[in-house]
Amino acid sequence: MRRKSAALVAVAALLVGGCSAAGSSTGDGANGAAPVEFSGFVGGPGILTQTEDAIKVFNTENPKYKMTFVQGQLNQPPLQQLTAMYAAGNVPTVFVLDTSSVHLVSDKLLDLSGEPWVDNAYPWAKAQGTIDGKVLGVPASVTAIGFLYNKKLVEKAIGGPFDPATVRTRTDLERLFATVKSSGVAAATQVSPLNWSLGAQYMGKLYDAQGDDAARAKFLADLRAGKVDLMSNAVFNGLMDTLDLMRTYNLNAAKPLTGTIDTDSKAFADGKVAFWFMGDFQWPVLQALGLDPASDDYGILPVPVSNDPTDPWNQKLMASSSFMLCIDKTVSTPEQQAAAKAYLNWYITSPSGQDYMVTKAGQVPAYSNVKLPPSNPLGRAVAADVSSGGTYSPVLDLPADHLPVVGDIMVKYLDGKLDRAAVAKAIQAYWTSAK
């Protein structure tokens, strides 16, 4: 899945439809009995056809079960849609959630700790789906967030090879943006006016870059207690300085709310912009727009938060299992829960499941047993950073309304409706009243 969540939430949000929580049929379809029917709220925008096809393969390979695909709504986070499904009593057996939402519905999720394939997940990815010692979600994939870039455009602008390792500070990024703009080969960048992108994925680094887990926890506690002055915080000001740089060189600077995920994807795919703050989850859409998965002309850069070339937060990509696959334990029957476990086992361990995960859906696997190489340049770049230690895990246990509230604040800033001091005040006010 992709995300949007945290975002991606919207980005990664699913497409809606009906779902059937309980199908009471049981039996072994391979022996002539009715198969166990269950539903799956899985997949995501850009991989709908691939997901539907994969479920058909699962059903064929596992005749004991019959899985029904549940689509979601493109503009809503999974949790919002799932909440409505629970309220209606029409709950999918297996579903995807933003990793940051798992703790909010932990009482509804089946403990998967004893499943043999759980330990195939990378430890940091497994930890992101673990609540109070129980594995309640297994990672769908690894997702990274940063500046997607078109290598050919950048090299044409600078007149030679581009080494992404040379971008170690905000000044380095500004110099690169200015060179691209002055070359006339393309706009330097674009800023998508999406609350999930700006609120969760961009401003999420405000909490991440405070330091280690203890420093992060203290910062969040101080925010809740009203003890933080963001206007005096180096990370906040660094992020805002970088965002101001992005605004200056924005393709849509004159009308900053013009872009949508669709128009911005097309602008990047068409070579109208050299850089785009987004996630590697957007690759299936970009490929559908004509980008070649065999090419190595695309990559992803970290977002710099300072002008210190030794600052580790300038050098590492945010990487997480942005989406978790979970199983309902409150409405589904034991037979359906077993069927959903079989689907997860198929997804993680079978050749056809792994082919769907990596090749068809274009995802970076979060499992050590998956040996298929990433099928696209963004995935290859992310996998290389993961293996070399060039990534960090973000803060994920944020309040449920963090994305829409902070995201809307940042969209207003992008549109010039708030200045930096007002943004700081609004974020501080949010945290002092956050649930």
Protein backbone atom coordinates (compact mmCIF):
# COMPACT_ATOMS: atom_id res chain seq x y z
CA MET A 1 0.00 0.00 0.00
CA ARG A 2 1.11 3.45 -0.29
CA ARG A 3 0.34 6.68 1.88
CA LYS A 4 -0.07 8.65 1.92
CA SER A 5 -0.15 9.03 6.61
CA ALA A 6 0.02 8.93 7.95
CA ALA A 7 -0.50 10.31 5.24
CA LEU A 8 -0.83 9.04 2.43
CA VAL A 9 -2.94 8.63 3.90
CA ALA A 10 -4.94 10.01 1.49
CA VAL A 11 -2.41 9.01 -0.94
CA ALA A 12 -2.53 5.70 0.32
CA ALA A 13 -6.02 5.72 1.16
CA LEU A 14 -8.12 3.05 -0.33
CA LEU A 15 -11.06 3.04 -2.60
CA VAL A 16 -14.44 2.18 -1.01
CA GLY A 17 -17.04 -0.35 -1.68
CA GLY A 18 -19.06 -2.78 0.17
CA CYS A 19 -17.53 -5.28 2.42
CA SER A 20 -18.86 -8.31 4.04
CA ALA A 21 -17.67 -8.99 7.45
CA ALA A 22 -18.97 -12.29 7.97
CA GLY A 23 -19.64 -14.90 5.44
CA SER A 24 -20.64 -17.84 7.33
CA SER A 25 -19.64 -20.49 4.81
CA THR A 26 -17.03 -22.90 5.98
CA GLY A 27 -15.40 -25.96 4.54
CA ASP A 28 -12.73 -27.07 2.16
CA GLY A 29 -13.39 -25.92 -1.37
CA ALA A 30 -10.77 -28.34 -2.61
CA ASN A 31 -12.86 -31.25 -1.31
CA GLY A 32 -16.16 -30.04 -2.68
CA ALA A 33 -17.33 -28.16 0.42
CA ALA A 34 -18.11 -24.45 0.31
CA PRO A 35 -14.99 -22.34 0.79
CA VAL A 36 -14.64 -19.96 3.73
CA GLU A 37 -15.67 -16.54 2.50
CA PHE A 38 -13.95 -13.43 3.81
CA SER A 39 -13.24 -9.89 2.62
CA GLY A 40 -10.07 -7.88 2.26
CA PHE A 41 -9.79 -4.08 2.44
CA VAL A 42 -6.31 -4.07 0.93
CA GLY A 43 -4.35 -2.60 -1.95
CA GLY A 44 -4.39 1.08 -2.77
CA PRO A 45 -4.67 3.74 -5.47
CA GLY A 46 -2.51 2.94 -8.45
CA ILE A 47 -2.54 -0.81 -7.82
CA LEU A 48 -6.24 -1.61 -7.92
CA THR A 49 -6.07 -3.89 -10.94
CA GLN A 50 -2.95 -5.55 -9.60
CA THR A 51 -4.65 -6.18 -6.25
CA GLU A 52 -7.80 -7.58 -7.81
CA ASP A 53 -5.71 -9.89 -9.97
CA ALA A 54 -3.64 -10.98 -6.97
CA ILE A 55 -6.74 -11.92 -5.00
CA LYS A 56 -7.90 -14.04 -7.92
CA VAL A 57 -4.55 -15.83 -7.81
CA PHE A 58 -4.84 -16.33 -4.05
CA ASN A 59 -8.32 -17.81 -4.44
CA THR A 60 -7.13 -20.15 -7.19
CA GLU A 61 -4.13 -21.32 -5.18
CA ASN A 62 -6.15 -21.64 -1.97
CA PRO A 63 -9.51 -23.22 -2.85
CA LYS A 64 -10.41 -23.59 0.83
CA TYR A 65 -11.00 -19.84 0.85
CA LYS A 66 -12.81 -17.21 -1.18
CA MET A 67 -11.57 -13.68 -0.66
CA THR A 68 -13.62 -10.70 -1.84
CA PHE A 69 -11.80 -7.48 -2.69
CA VAL A 70 -13.07 -4.33 -0.94
CA GLN A 71 -12.10 -1.07 -2.58
CA GLY A 72 -11.81 2.19 -0.71
CA GLN A 73 -12.25 5.90 -1.34
CA LEU A 74 -9.31 7.74 -2.83
CA ASN A 75 -9.69 10.84 -0.66
CA GLN A 76 -10.12 9.27 2.78
CA PRO A 77 -7.60 7.70 5.17
CA PRO A 78 -8.13 3.98 5.84
CA LEU A 79 -9.01 4.55 9.50
CA GLN A 80 -11.83 6.92 8.60
CA GLN A 81 -13.31 4.39 6.22
CA LEU A 82 -12.81 1.50 8.60
CA THR A 83 -14.54 3.40 11.40
CA ALA A 84 -17.59 3.83 9.18
CA MET A 85 -17.51 0.12 8.35
CA TYR A 86 -17.47 -0.84 12.02
CA ALA A 87 -20.32 1.56 12.72
CA ALA A 88 -22.33 -0.10 9.96
CA GLY A 89 -21.44 -3.60 11.15
CA ASN A 90 -19.98 -4.35 7.74
CA VAL A 91 -16.37 -5.10 8.57
CA PRO A 92 -13.64 -6.63 6.36
CA THR A 93 -11.78 -9.57 7.85
CA VAL A 94 -8.34 -8.34 6.81
CA PHE A 95 -7.59 -4.68 6.20
CA VAL A 96 -4.85 -2.14 5.79
CA LEU A 97 -4.25 0.70 8.23
CA ASP A 98 -1.80 3.55 8.43
CA THR A 99 0.81 2.36 10.90
CA SER A 100 0.11 5.42 13.02
CA SER A 101 -3.52 4.28 13.41
CA VAL A 102 -2.93 0.75 14.67
CA HIS A 103 -2.85 1.77 18.34
CA LEU A 104 -6.19 3.55 17.96
CA VAL A 105 -8.06 0.32 17.16
CA SER A 106 -5.85 -2.17 18.97
CA ASP A 107 -8.82 -3.60 20.87
CA LYS A 108 -10.31 -4.80 17.57
CA LEU A 109 -7.21 -6.52 16.18
CA LEU A 110 -6.18 -10.15 16.27
CA ASP A 111 -2.81 -10.93 17.87
CA LEU A 112 -0.52 -12.30 15.15
CA SER A 113 2.52 -12.82 17.36
CA GLY A 114 2.48 -16.58 16.97
CA GLU A 115 2.42 -16.67 13.18
CA PRO A 116 5.66 -18.14 11.78
CA TRP A 117 6.09 -15.51 9.07
CA VAL A 118 5.97 -12.57 11.51
CA ASP A 119 9.66 -12.93 12.33
CA ASN A 120 10.53 -12.54 8.66
CA ALA A 121 9.75 -8.83 9.04
CA TYR A 122 12.70 -6.54 9.63
CA PRO A 123 12.85 -5.91 13.41
CA TRP A 124 12.21 -2.17 13.09
CA ALA A 125 9.23 -2.82 10.80
CA LYS A 126 7.81 -5.49 13.10
CA ALA A 127 8.17 -3.12 16.06
CA GLN A 128 6.01 -0.53 14.30
CA GLY A 129 3.04 -2.95 14.33
CA THR A 130 3.61 -4.14 17.90
CA ILE A 131 1.41 -2.76 20.69
CA ASP A 132 1.98 -3.80 24.33
CA GLY A 133 4.09 -6.73 23.20
CA LYS A 134 1.52 -8.05 20.72
CA VAL A 135 1.99 -8.02 16.95
CA LEU A 136 -1.30 -6.51 15.80
CA GLY A 137 -0.19 -5.47 12.32
CA VAL A 138 2.32 -6.82 9.82
CA PRO A 139 3.99 -4.41 7.40
CA ALA A 140 2.67 -4.23 3.86
CA SER A 141 5.97 -2.85 2.60
CA VAL A 142 8.67 -0.27 3.25
CA THR A 143 7.82 3.30 2.30
CA ALA A 144 10.25 6.21 2.11
CA ILE A 145 9.54 9.94 1.91
CA GLY A 146 11.76 12.65 0.43
CA PHE A 147 12.44 14.58 -2.76
CA LEU A 148 11.82 12.43 -5.82
CA TYR A 149 14.13 13.60 -8.56
CA ASN A 150 14.56 13.20 -12.31
CA LYS A 151 18.27 12.48 -12.78
CA LYS A 152 18.33 13.29 -16.48
CA LEU A 153 16.82 16.73 -15.95
CA VAL A 154 19.21 17.51 -13.10
CA GLU A 155 22.25 16.40 -15.09
CA LYS A 156 21.16 18.41 -18.10
CA ALA A 157 20.80 21.47 -15.88
CA ILE A 158 24.16 21.10 -14.11
CA GLY A 159 25.99 19.96 -17.23
CA GLY A 160 27.40 16.74 -15.82
CA PRO A 161 26.87 13.74 -13.55
CA PHE A 162 24.67 14.21 -10.48
CA ASP A 163 25.78 12.67 -7.21
CA PRO A 164 22.92 12.87 -4.68
CA ALA A 165 25.43 12.55 -1.84
CA THR A 166 26.60 16.10 -2.61
CA VAL A 167 23.30 17.50 -1.30
CA ARG A 168 24.16 17.67 2.40
CA THR A 169 22.63 21.01 3.43
CA ARG A 170 19.79 23.33 2.59
CA THR A 171 22.27 25.59 0.82
CA ASP A 172 23.27 22.67 -1.39
CA LEU A 173 19.62 22.11 -2.25
CA GLU A 174 19.03 25.81 -2.91
CA ARG A 175 22.04 25.94 -5.23
CA LEU A 176 20.69 22.94 -7.13
CA PHE A 177 17.20 24.43 -7.41
CA ALA A 178 18.62 27.72 -8.67
CA THR A 179 20.75 25.94 -11.27
CA VAL A 180 17.80 23.93 -12.55
CA LYS A 181 15.63 27.04 -12.79
CA SER A 182 18.26 29.13 -14.57
CA SER A 183 18.97 26.32 -17.05
CA GLY A 184 15.38 26.43 -18.28
CA VAL A 185 15.17 22.64 -18.62
CA ALA A 186 12.30 22.43 -16.09
CA ALA A 187 10.86 23.99 -12.98
CA ALA A 188 13.00 23.12 -9.98
CA THR A 189 10.25 21.63 -7.86
CA GLN A 190 6.57 21.51 -7.03
CA VAL A 191 4.80 21.56 -3.65
CA SER A 192 1.63 19.52 -3.56
CA PRO A 193 -1.06 21.26 -1.47
CA LEU A 194 -2.11 18.03 0.25
CA ASN A 195 -2.71 17.96 4.00
CA TRP A 196 -1.47 14.39 4.36
CA SER A 197 1.75 15.22 2.52
CA LEU A 198 2.52 18.48 4.30
CA GLY A 199 1.05 17.61 7.69
CA ALA A 200 2.10 14.02 8.22
CA GLN A 201 4.99 13.38 5.87
CA TYR A 202 6.70 16.77 5.90
CA MET A 203 6.00 18.13 9.38
CA GLY A 204 6.37 14.67 10.85
CA LYS A 205 10.10 15.35 10.71
CA LEU A 206 9.56 18.03 13.35
CA TYR A 207 9.18 15.22 15.90
CA ASP A 208 11.59 12.75 14.30
CA ALA A 209 14.61 15.05 14.14
CA GLN A 210 14.50 16.01 17.82
CA GLY A 211 16.83 13.07 18.46
CA ASP A 212 16.61 9.55 19.84
CA ASP A 213 13.47 7.95 21.25
CA ALA A 214 13.92 9.58 24.66
CA ALA A 215 14.42 13.04 23.14
CA ARG A 216 11.38 12.57 20.92
CA ALA A 217 9.21 11.45 23.83
CA LYS A 218 10.30 14.43 25.94
CA PHE A 219 9.63 16.85 23.07
CA LEU A 220 6.10 15.50 22.56
CA ALA A 221 5.41 15.57 26.31
CA ASP A 222 6.62 19.16 26.48
CA LEU A 223 4.43 20.06 23.50
CA ARG A 224 1.39 18.64 25.29
CA ALA A 225 2.33 20.54 28.43
CA GLY A 226 2.67 23.81 26.53
CA LYS A 227 6.38 24.06 27.33
CA VAL A 228 7.67 24.30 23.75
CA ASP A 229 8.29 27.55 21.90
CA LEU A 230 8.51 26.37 18.30
CA MET A 231 9.81 29.71 17.10
CA SER A 232 12.93 28.96 19.15
CA ASN A 233 13.20 25.35 18.00
CA ALA A 234 15.97 24.65 15.48
CA VAL A 235 14.21 21.75 13.75
CA PHE A 236 10.97 23.69 13.30
CA ASN A 237 12.76 26.68 11.83
CA GLY A 238 14.93 24.45 9.66
CA LEU A 239 11.89 22.70 8.20
CA MET A 240 10.15 26.01 7.62
CA ASP A 241 13.25 27.43 5.92
CA THR A 242 13.36 24.42 3.60
CA LEU A 243 9.64 24.74 2.92
CA ASP A 244 10.15 28.41 2.08
CA LEU A 245 12.82 27.33 -0.40
CA MET A 246 10.37 24.88 -1.93
CA ARG A 247 7.72 27.59 -2.16
CA THR A 248 10.14 29.94 -3.91
CA TYR A 249 10.94 27.42 -6.63
CA ASN A 250 7.46 25.90 -6.80
CA LEU A 251 6.08 25.25 -10.28
CA ASN A 252 2.74 26.58 -8.98
CA ALA A 253 4.15 29.43 -6.91
CA ALA A 254 1.64 31.91 -8.33
CA LYS A 255 -1.28 29.63 -7.46
CA PRO A 256 0.02 27.31 -4.73
CA LEU A 257 -3.25 25.42 -4.23
CA THR A 258 -3.55 24.53 -7.91
CA GLY A 259 -1.92 21.12 -7.82
CA THR A 260 -3.53 17.78 -7.06
CA ILE A 261 -1.94 14.38 -6.66
CA ASP A 262 -2.97 13.60 -10.23
CA THR A 263 -1.75 16.81 -11.86
CA ASP A 264 1.49 16.79 -9.88
CA SER A 265 2.16 13.16 -10.79
CA LYS A 266 1.70 14.04 -14.44
CA ALA A 267 3.93 17.12 -14.18
CA PHE A 268 6.72 15.00 -12.71
CA ALA A 269 6.22 12.18 -15.22
CA ASP A 270 6.19 14.68 -18.10
CA GLY A 271 9.52 16.20 -17.02
CA LYS A 272 8.07 19.58 -16.08
CA VAL A 273 9.72 19.52 -12.65
CA ALA A 274 13.05 18.09 -11.51
CA PHE A 275 12.17 17.51 -7.83
CA TRP A 276 8.94 16.66 -6.00
CA PHE A 277 8.43 16.09 -2.29
CA MET A 278 6.58 12.78 -2.25
CA GLY A 279 7.03 9.08 -1.43
CA ASP A 280 8.22 6.11 -3.41
CA PHE A 281 4.67 4.76 -3.07
CA GLN A 282 3.77 6.99 -6.02
CA TRP A 283 5.74 4.85 -8.46
CA PRO A 284 2.79 2.74 -9.78
CA VAL A 285 1.04 5.95 -10.82
CA LEU A 286 4.20 7.35 -12.40
CA GLN A 287 4.78 4.11 -14.28
CA ALA A 288 1.20 4.22 -15.57
CA LEU A 289 2.06 7.70 -16.88
CA GLY A 290 4.94 6.31 -18.90
CA LEU A 291 8.03 6.12 -16.67
CA ASP A 292 10.21 3.09 -17.32
CA PRO A 293 10.65 0.73 -14.33
CA ALA A 294 13.92 -0.55 -15.79
CA SER A 295 15.40 2.95 -15.84
CA ASP A 296 17.69 4.31 -13.15
CA ASP A 297 16.86 7.91 -14.02
CA TYR A 298 14.85 8.55 -10.85
CA GLY A 299 15.81 8.67 -7.21
CA ILE A 300 14.90 10.11 -3.83
CA LEU A 301 16.72 12.61 -1.60
CA PRO A 302 16.32 13.33 2.14
CA VAL A 303 14.83 16.65 3.24
CA PRO A 304 17.56 18.84 4.79
CA VAL A 305 16.69 20.57 8.04
CA SER A 306 19.88 22.60 8.52
CA ASN A 307 23.02 23.95 6.91
CA ASP A 308 25.29 21.67 8.92
CA PRO A 309 26.88 19.14 6.52
CA THR A 310 27.44 16.75 9.44
CA ASP A 311 23.79 16.81 10.55
CA PRO A 312 22.54 13.19 10.23
CA TRP A 313 18.96 14.38 9.74
CA ASN A 314 20.05 15.93 6.43
CA GLN A 315 21.39 12.59 5.21
CA LYS A 316 18.74 9.99 6.06
CA LEU A 317 15.42 9.19 4.44
CA MET A 318 12.35 8.66 6.54
CA ALA A 319 11.40 5.02 6.02
CA SER A 320 8.60 3.10 7.65
CA SER A 321 6.09 0.43 7.08
CA SER A 322 3.54 3.14 6.44
CA PHE A 323 0.77 0.59 6.16
CA MET A 324 0.02 -2.40 8.31
CA LEU A 325 -2.12 -5.39 7.41
CA CYS A 326 -4.41 -6.31 10.29
CA ILE A 327 -7.13 -8.89 11.03
CA ASP A 328 -10.41 -8.14 12.80
CA LYS A 329 -11.19 -10.21 15.90
CA THR A 330 -14.52 -8.70 16.92
CA VAL A 331 -16.86 -9.53 14.03
CA SER A 332 -15.11 -12.14 11.93
CA THR A 333 -15.45 -15.82 12.75
CA PRO A 334 -12.51 -18.04 13.75
CA GLU A 335 -12.72 -19.63 10.30
CA GLN A 336 -12.49 -16.23 8.63
CA GLN A 337 -9.58 -15.24 10.85
CA ALA A 338 -7.78 -18.42 9.76
CA ALA A 339 -8.52 -17.55 6.14
CA ALA A 340 -7.12 -14.03 6.61
CA LYS A 341 -3.98 -15.49 8.17
CA ALA A 342 -3.66 -17.72 5.12
CA TYR A 343 -3.84 -14.62 2.90
CA LEU A 344 -1.08 -12.88 4.87
CA ASN A 345 1.02 -16.05 4.72
CA TRP A 346 0.48 -16.16 0.96
CA TYR A 347 1.41 -12.48 0.60
CA ILE A 348 4.64 -12.81 2.58
CA THR A 349 5.92 -16.30 1.74
CA SER A 350 4.52 -17.59 -1.56
CA PRO A 351 6.16 -16.89 -4.94
CA SER A 352 2.92 -15.45 -6.35
CA GLY A 353 2.29 -13.31 -3.27
CA GLN A 354 5.79 -11.92 -3.36
CA ASP A 355 5.47 -11.30 -7.09
CA TYR A 356 2.37 -9.21 -6.39
CA MET A 357 4.10 -7.35 -3.56
CA VAL A 358 7.33 -6.49 -5.37
CA THR A 359 6.83 -6.83 -9.11
CA LYS A 360 3.16 -6.00 -9.68
CA ALA A 361 2.60 -3.45 -6.88
CA GLY A 362 6.14 -2.05 -7.11
CA GLN A 363 6.69 -2.14 -3.35
CA VAL A 364 9.88 -2.47 -1.34
CA PRO A 365 9.59 -5.60 0.81
CA ALA A 366 9.82 -5.28 4.59
CA TYR A 367 10.72 -8.97 4.92
CA SER A 368 14.12 -10.63 4.94
CA ASN A 369 12.78 -13.76 3.21
CA VAL A 370 11.66 -11.80 0.12
CA LYS A 371 14.60 -11.97 -2.26
CA LEU A 372 12.98 -10.38 -5.33
CA PRO A 373 14.79 -7.15 -6.22
CA PRO A 374 12.67 -3.98 -6.28
CA SER A 375 11.04 -3.56 -9.67
CA ASN A 376 11.51 0.19 -10.13
CA PRO A 377 14.18 2.88 -9.64
CA LEU A 378 12.59 4.48 -6.57
CA GLY A 379 12.25 1.10 -4.91
CA ARG A 380 15.85 0.25 -5.73
CA ALA A 381 17.04 3.53 -4.24
CA VAL A 382 15.03 3.00 -1.06
CA ALA A 383 16.16 -0.61 -0.68
CA ALA A 384 19.79 0.50 -1.03
CA ASP A 385 19.35 3.13 1.68
CA VAL A 386 17.62 0.64 3.99
CA SER A 387 20.43 -1.88 3.59
CA SER A 388 23.16 0.74 4.10
CA GLY A 389 21.61 2.36 7.17
CA GLY A 390 20.60 5.47 5.27
CA THR A 391 17.09 5.61 6.72
CA TYR A 392 15.40 6.35 10.04
CA SER A 393 12.10 5.26 11.61
CA PRO A 394 9.62 8.08 12.26
CA VAL A 395 7.40 8.83 15.23
CA LEU A 396 4.17 6.97 14.49
CA ASP A 397 1.98 7.12 17.60
CA LEU A 398 0.51 10.55 16.87
CA PRO A 399 -3.08 11.52 17.73
CA ALA A 400 -5.76 10.46 15.25
CA ASP A 401 -6.53 14.04 14.23
CA HIS A 402 -2.92 15.14 13.83
CA LEU A 403 -2.91 14.67 10.07
CA PRO A 404 -5.98 16.74 9.20
CA VAL A 405 -5.37 19.47 11.79
CA VAL A 406 -1.64 20.03 11.27
CA GLY A 407 -2.00 19.28 7.57
CA ASP A 408 -4.59 22.02 7.15
CA ILE A 409 -2.34 24.44 9.04
CA MET A 410 0.48 23.75 6.59
CA VAL A 411 -1.78 24.10 3.55
CA LYS A 412 -2.81 27.54 4.84
CA TYR A 413 0.86 28.46 5.18
CA LEU A 414 1.53 27.30 1.64
CA ASP A 415 -1.31 29.53 0.49
CA GLY A 416 0.03 32.54 2.37
CA LYS A 417 -2.87 32.64 4.85
CA LEU A 418 -0.58 32.12 7.85
CA ASP A 419 2.94 33.30 8.58
CA ARG A 420 5.57 31.26 10.41
CA ALA A 421 4.69 32.61 13.85
CA ALA A 422 1.03 31.77 13.29
CA VAL A 423 1.96 28.24 12.22
CA ALA A 424 4.02 27.79 15.38
CA LYS A 425 1.20 29.10 17.54
CA ALA A 426 -1.40 26.90 15.83
CA ILE A 427 0.69 23.72 16.16
CA GLN A 428 1.42 24.49 19.81
CA ALA A 429 -2.28 25.09 20.47
CA TYR A 430 -3.14 21.81 18.78
CA TRP A 431 -0.80 19.82 21.00
CA THR A 432 -1.97 21.37 24.26
CA SER A 433 -5.51 20.15 23.49
CA ALA A 434 -4.62 16.91 21.68
CA LYS A 435 -6.28 13.72 22.89
